Amino acid sequence: MFVRIHLADGERILAACDEDILGMTFRGDGMKITVSETFYKGEQVEPAVLAERMKSVSVMNLVGRRTIEVAIAEGHVTVENVIEIDGVPHAQVVVM
């Protein structure tokens, strides 16, 4: 998985995606997501490292089956809050 942390207006935003979908665009049901290298490509990590990074951010943008599985296992996302765009799971999280 790729993980990148962005800083914006005092917020730490985690962008994470599965390796195999980086650079791809998905469309379906009136939705579109581009898994751009400029936003998502950062450090390539194992699931345990992604789980650790999730603890230090206030916003998460997550794409891909493996990435979403980590977020669910760590309690950041519920299955009901995951959408699929062209069969690819996507979730956004705001930590309050």
Protein backbone atom coordinates (compact mmCIF):
# COMPACT_ATOMS: atom_id res chain seq x y z
CA MET A 1 0.00 0.00 0.00
CA PHE A 2 1.02 3.59 -0.54
CA VAL A 3 0.62 6.17 2.22
CA ARG A 4 1.14 9.88 2.01
CA ILE A 5 0.44 12.49 4.66
CA HIS A 6 -0.48 15.99 3.55
CA LEU A 7 -0.55 19.07 5.77
CA ALA A 8 -3.32 21.60 5.11
CA ASP A 9 -4.67 24.31 7.39
CA GLY A 10 -3.22 22.62 10.45
CA GLU A 11 -4.77 19.26 9.55
CA ARG A 12 -2.90 16.03 8.84
CA ILE A 13 -4.56 14.28 5.90
CA LEU A 14 -3.68 10.67 5.18
CA ALA A 15 -4.05 9.46 1.60
CA ALA A 16 -3.69 5.69 1.21
CA CYS A 17 -4.31 3.26 -1.62
CA ASP A 18 -3.53 -0.25 -2.79
CA GLU A 19 -0.43 -0.42 -5.00
CA ASP A 20 -2.20 -2.03 -7.94
CA ILE A 21 -4.66 0.84 -8.49
CA LEU A 22 -2.25 3.78 -8.29
CA GLY A 23 -2.64 5.99 -11.35
CA MET A 24 -6.00 4.55 -12.34
CA THR A 25 -9.40 6.24 -12.69
CA PHE A 26 -12.67 4.56 -11.74
CA ARG A 27 -16.21 5.61 -12.74
CA GLY A 28 -19.66 4.35 -11.89
CA ASP A 29 -23.07 5.41 -10.62
CA GLY A 30 -22.33 9.07 -11.34
CA MET A 31 -19.08 8.97 -9.32
CA LYS A 32 -15.45 9.20 -10.35
CA ILE A 33 -12.19 8.82 -8.48
CA THR A 34 -8.67 9.18 -9.81
CA VAL A 35 -6.02 7.52 -7.67
CA SER A 36 -3.38 10.05 -8.65
CA GLU A 37 0.29 9.62 -7.91
CA THR A 38 0.55 13.25 -6.78
CA PHE A 39 -1.99 12.69 -4.00
CA TYR A 40 -1.58 9.03 -3.00
CA LYS A 41 1.98 7.96 -3.85
CA GLY A 42 4.24 8.30 -0.88
CA GLU A 43 5.80 5.67 1.31
CA GLN A 44 5.10 2.04 0.38
CA VAL A 45 4.12 0.27 3.60
CA GLU A 46 2.80 -2.95 5.09
CA PRO A 47 -0.64 -3.05 6.77
CA ALA A 48 0.78 -2.62 10.29
CA VAL A 49 2.51 0.62 9.32
CA LEU A 50 -0.66 1.94 7.67
CA ALA A 51 -2.58 1.14 10.86
CA GLU A 52 -0.02 3.11 12.88
CA ARG A 53 -0.14 6.12 10.53
CA MET A 54 -3.95 6.19 10.83
CA LYS A 55 -3.59 7.06 14.52
CA SER A 56 -1.86 10.39 13.86
CA VAL A 57 -4.18 12.11 11.37
CA SER A 58 -7.45 13.99 11.39
CA VAL A 59 -8.67 13.16 7.87
CA MET A 60 -8.26 10.00 5.77
CA ASN A 61 -8.91 9.35 2.10
CA LEU A 62 -8.71 5.61 1.47
CA VAL A 63 -8.99 3.60 -1.75
CA GLY A 64 -8.61 -0.11 -2.46
CA ARG A 65 -9.64 -3.39 -0.92
CA ARG A 66 -6.55 -4.00 1.23
CA THR A 67 -6.42 -0.39 2.43
CA ILE A 68 -10.09 -0.42 3.42
CA GLU A 69 -9.65 -3.78 5.20
CA VAL A 70 -6.99 -2.20 7.44
CA ALA A 71 -9.26 0.78 8.20
CA ILE A 72 -12.14 -1.54 9.12
CA ALA A 73 -9.93 -3.79 11.26
CA GLU A 74 -8.61 -0.73 13.13
CA GLY A 75 -12.14 0.59 13.76
CA HIS A 76 -11.81 3.75 11.65
CA VAL A 77 -14.38 2.69 9.04
CA THR A 78 -17.50 0.53 9.09
CA VAL A 79 -18.58 -1.60 6.16
CA GLU A 80 -21.74 0.52 5.85
CA ASN A 81 -19.62 3.64 5.23
CA VAL A 82 -17.66 2.22 2.32
CA ILE A 83 -18.76 3.06 -1.19
CA GLU A 84 -17.69 1.24 -4.32
CA ILE A 85 -16.80 3.01 -7.52
CA ASP A 86 -16.49 0.57 -10.41
CA GLY A 87 -15.96 -2.21 -7.86
CA VAL A 88 -13.19 -0.40 -5.98
CA PRO A 89 -13.88 0.40 -2.29
CA HIS A 90 -13.44 4.00 -1.15
CA ALA A 91 -13.94 5.72 2.20
CA GLN A 92 -13.28 9.11 3.69
CA VAL A 93 -12.82 9.60 7.43
CA VAL A 94 -12.88 12.72 9.57
CA VAL A 95 -11.64 12.24 13.12
CA MET A 96 -13.44 14.44 15.62
